[in-house]
Amino acid sequence: MTGDGPEGLEELLDEHCASIGALTRHLREVILSARPELTERVYRGWNGLGFHHPSRGYIAAVFPRADSVAVGFEHGADLPDPHGLLEGTGKRVRYLRFKPDDSAPTHEHLIEYLDLAVA
């Protein structure tokens, strides 16, 4: 369904440990399964994988980090936060943070916040 990923994805993930790479790939699959209309692009300067909606434009990105993977929502500061899971204090972006051994937030939360970002 989603193939091997966009150009540059493997190079991006090679910079991280196996568990972070696997979690990033898994979150990518969750996002694209929930929203197959999204297109993706690696942003080397941001060290992330961005997702674009056909009419809403850039809506989110997955950012692998040393010990976690953040999913940033471009207009996250404007999103409702029904579960109190969004992190960040900037004027625009908010994040869900996933860790390889963590159970919260869940993938269901990711899909719910993704749907809010597209709405």
C-alpha atoms as a PDB file:
ATOM      1  CA  MET A   1       0.000   0.000   0.000  1.00  0.00           C
ATOM      2  CA  THR A   2       2.577   2.603   1.016  1.00  0.00           C
ATOM      3  CA  GLY A   3       5.595   1.013  -0.662  1.00  0.00           C
ATOM      4  CA  ASP A   4       9.070   1.556   0.644  1.00  0.00           C
ATOM      5  CA  GLY A   5       8.537   5.228   1.379  1.00  0.00           C
ATOM      6  CA  PRO A   6       9.582   8.466  -0.212  1.00  0.00           C
ATOM      7  CA  GLU A   7      13.081   9.261  -1.377  1.00  0.00           C
ATOM      8  CA  GLY A   8      15.377   9.912   1.561  1.00  0.00           C
ATOM      9  CA  LEU A   9      13.370   8.008   4.177  1.00  0.00           C
ATOM     10  CA  GLU A  10      15.913   5.237   4.694  1.00  0.00           C
ATOM     11  CA  GLU A  11      18.756   7.756   4.980  1.00  0.00           C
ATOM     12  CA  LEU A  12      16.747   9.687   7.580  1.00  0.00           C
ATOM     13  CA  LEU A  13      16.067   6.547   9.613  1.00  0.00           C
ATOM     14  CA  ASP A  14      19.654   5.276   9.319  1.00  0.00           C
ATOM     15  CA  GLU A  15      20.598   8.094  11.698  1.00  0.00           C
ATOM     16  CA  HIS A  16      18.533   6.497  14.486  1.00  0.00           C
ATOM     17  CA  CYS A  17      18.537   3.267  16.466  1.00  0.00           C
ATOM     18  CA  ALA A  18      16.504   0.304  15.241  1.00  0.00           C
ATOM     19  CA  SER A  19      13.617   0.812  17.708  1.00  0.00           C
ATOM     20  CA  ILE A  20      13.151   4.469  16.694  1.00  0.00           C
ATOM     21  CA  GLY A  21      13.346   3.524  13.018  1.00  0.00           C
ATOM     22  CA  ALA A  22      10.747   0.799  13.479  1.00  0.00           C
ATOM     23  CA  LEU A  23       8.446   3.114  15.448  1.00  0.00           C
ATOM     24  CA  THR A  24       8.770   5.817  12.778  1.00  0.00           C
ATOM     25  CA  ARG A  25       7.894   3.324  10.039  1.00  0.00           C
ATOM     26  CA  HIS A  26       4.937   2.068  12.063  1.00  0.00           C
ATOM     27  CA  LEU A  27       3.560   5.572  12.699  1.00  0.00           C
ATOM     28  CA  ARG A  28       3.967   6.342   8.994  1.00  0.00           C
ATOM     29  CA  GLU A  29       1.883   3.265   8.165  1.00  0.00           C
ATOM     30  CA  VAL A  30      -0.797   4.241  10.710  1.00  0.00           C
ATOM     31  CA  ILE A  31      -1.031   7.731   9.197  1.00  0.00           C
ATOM     32  CA  LEU A  32      -1.181   6.557   5.588  1.00  0.00           C
ATOM     33  CA  SER A  33      -3.661   3.778   6.391  1.00  0.00           C
ATOM     34  CA  ALA A  34      -5.969   6.251   8.125  1.00  0.00           C
ATOM     35  CA  ARG A  35      -5.502   8.963   5.492  1.00  0.00           C
ATOM     36  CA  PRO A  36      -4.497   7.405   2.142  1.00  0.00           C
ATOM     37  CA  GLU A  37      -5.060  10.744   0.390  1.00  0.00           C
ATOM     38  CA  LEU A  38      -1.966  12.195   2.067  1.00  0.00           C
ATOM     39  CA  THR A  39       1.309  12.508   0.221  1.00  0.00           C
ATOM     40  CA  GLU A  40       4.654  12.454   1.997  1.00  0.00           C
ATOM     41  CA  ARG A  41       8.053  14.042   1.654  1.00  0.00           C
ATOM     42  CA  VAL A  42      11.297  13.818   3.603  1.00  0.00           C
ATOM     43  CA  TYR A  43      12.522  17.165   4.913  1.00  0.00           C
ATOM     44  CA  ARG A  44      16.224  16.736   5.643  1.00  0.00           C
ATOM     45  CA  GLY A  45      16.562  20.204   7.181  1.00  0.00           C
ATOM     46  CA  TRP A  46      13.815  19.366   9.683  1.00  0.00           C
ATOM     47  CA  ASN A  47      14.961  15.765  10.126  1.00  0.00           C
ATOM     48  CA  GLY A  48      11.390  14.674   9.489  1.00  0.00           C
ATOM     49  CA  LEU A  49       8.787  13.191   7.189  1.00  0.00           C
ATOM     50  CA  GLY A  50       6.016  15.621   6.223  1.00  0.00           C
ATOM     51  CA  PHE A  51       2.463  14.789   5.204  1.00  0.00           C
ATOM     52  CA  HIS A  52       0.387  16.890   2.823  1.00  0.00           C
ATOM     53  CA  HIS A  53      -3.369  16.863   2.265  1.00  0.00           C
ATOM     54  CA  PRO A  54      -4.656  17.596  -1.274  1.00  0.00           C
ATOM     55  CA  SER A  55      -6.699  20.623  -0.162  1.00  0.00           C
ATOM     56  CA  ARG A  56      -5.404  21.468   3.334  1.00  0.00           C
ATOM     57  CA  GLY A  57      -1.709  21.424   2.411  1.00  0.00           C
ATOM     58  CA  TYR A  58       0.985  20.522   4.925  1.00  0.00           C
ATOM     59  CA  ILE A  59      -0.716  19.180   8.045  1.00  0.00           C
ATOM     60  CA  ALA A  60       1.729  17.036   9.999  1.00  0.00           C
ATOM     61  CA  ALA A  61       5.187  15.499  10.194  1.00  0.00           C
ATOM     62  CA  VAL A  62       6.900  12.613  11.915  1.00  0.00           C
ATOM     63  CA  PHE A  63      10.166  13.519  13.636  1.00  0.00           C
ATOM     64  CA  PRO A  64      12.376  10.653  14.822  1.00  0.00           C
ATOM     65  CA  ARG A  65      14.495  11.704  17.824  1.00  0.00           C
ATOM     66  CA  ALA A  66      17.075   9.985  20.012  1.00  0.00           C
ATOM     67  CA  ASP A  67      14.563   8.311  22.354  1.00  0.00           C
ATOM     68  CA  SER A  68      11.140   9.073  20.893  1.00  0.00           C
ATOM     69  CA  VAL A  69       9.206   9.949  17.746  1.00  0.00           C
ATOM     70  CA  ALA A  70       7.201  13.161  17.697  1.00  0.00           C
ATOM     71  CA  VAL A  71       4.242  13.672  15.402  1.00  0.00           C
ATOM     72  CA  GLY A  72       3.876  17.403  14.905  1.00  0.00           C
ATOM     73  CA  PHE A  73       0.666  19.027  13.750  1.00  0.00           C
ATOM     74  CA  GLU A  74       1.253  22.231  11.790  1.00  0.00           C
ATOM     75  CA  HIS A  75      -1.793  23.993  13.257  1.00  0.00           C
ATOM     76  CA  GLY A  76      -1.812  22.017  16.490  1.00  0.00           C
ATOM     77  CA  ALA A  77      -2.244  25.114  18.670  1.00  0.00           C
ATOM     78  CA  ASP A  78      -5.662  25.542  17.052  1.00  0.00           C
ATOM     79  CA  LEU A  79      -6.734  21.914  17.475  1.00  0.00           C
ATOM     80  CA  PRO A  80      -9.014  20.755  20.250  1.00  0.00           C
ATOM     81  CA  ASP A  81      -7.058  18.525  22.655  1.00  0.00           C
ATOM     82  CA  PRO A  82      -9.735  16.156  23.985  1.00  0.00           C
ATOM     83  CA  HIS A  83      -7.209  13.901  25.745  1.00  0.00           C
ATOM     84  CA  GLY A  84      -4.698  16.505  26.906  1.00  0.00           C
ATOM     85  CA  LEU A  85      -1.918  14.759  24.961  1.00  0.00           C
ATOM     86  CA  LEU A  86      -0.594  17.563  22.764  1.00  0.00           C
ATOM     87  CA  GLU A  87       2.796  18.942  23.797  1.00  0.00           C
ATOM     88  CA  GLY A  88       4.337  22.290  22.959  1.00  0.00           C
ATOM     89  CA  THR A  89       4.000  25.955  23.804  1.00  0.00           C
ATOM     90  CA  GLY A  90       4.699  27.635  20.468  1.00  0.00           C
ATOM     91  CA  LYS A  91       2.220  29.763  18.573  1.00  0.00           C
ATOM     92  CA  ARG A  92       1.469  27.112  15.967  1.00  0.00           C
ATOM     93  CA  VAL A  93       2.767  23.539  16.243  1.00  0.00           C
ATOM     94  CA  ARG A  94       1.821  20.874  18.805  1.00  0.00           C
ATOM     95  CA  TYR A  95       3.154  17.334  19.119  1.00  0.00           C
ATOM     96  CA  LEU A  96       2.159  13.850  20.138  1.00  0.00           C
ATOM     97  CA  ARG A  97       5.229  12.044  21.485  1.00  0.00           C
ATOM     98  CA  PHE A  98       5.604   8.292  21.073  1.00  0.00           C
ATOM     99  CA  LYS A  99       8.242   6.099  22.740  1.00  0.00           C
ATOM    100  CA  PRO A 100       9.091   2.538  21.721  1.00  0.00           C
ATOM    101  CA  ASP A 101       8.043   1.168  25.141  1.00  0.00           C
ATOM    102  CA  ASP A 102       5.174   3.530  25.878  1.00  0.00           C
ATOM    103  CA  SER A 103       1.434   2.940  25.588  1.00  0.00           C
ATOM    104  CA  ALA A 104       0.199   6.543  25.528  1.00  0.00           C
ATOM    105  CA  PRO A 105      -0.646   8.173  23.278  1.00  0.00           C
ATOM    106  CA  THR A 106      -2.155   5.285  21.350  1.00  0.00           C
ATOM    107  CA  HIS A 107      -2.407   4.874  17.612  1.00  0.00           C
ATOM    108  CA  GLU A 108      -6.124   5.553  17.964  1.00  0.00           C
ATOM    109  CA  HIS A 109      -5.220   8.923  19.467  1.00  0.00           C
ATOM    110  CA  LEU A 110      -2.945   9.621  16.507  1.00  0.00           C
ATOM    111  CA  ILE A 111      -5.753   8.913  14.059  1.00  0.00           C
ATOM    112  CA  GLU A 112      -8.185  11.056  16.051  1.00  0.00           C
ATOM    113  CA  TYR A 113      -5.807  14.042  16.112  1.00  0.00           C
ATOM    114  CA  LEU A 114      -4.981  13.515  12.440  1.00  0.00           C
ATOM    115  CA  ASP A 115      -8.689  13.648  11.612  1.00  0.00           C
ATOM    116  CA  LEU A 116      -8.996  16.879  13.610  1.00  0.00           C
ATOM    117  CA  ALA A 117      -6.069  18.361  11.683  1.00  0.00           C
ATOM    118  CA  VAL A 118      -7.689  17.554   8.339  1.00  0.00           C
ATOM    119  CA  ALA A 119     -11.200  18.719   9.312  1.00  0.00           C
END
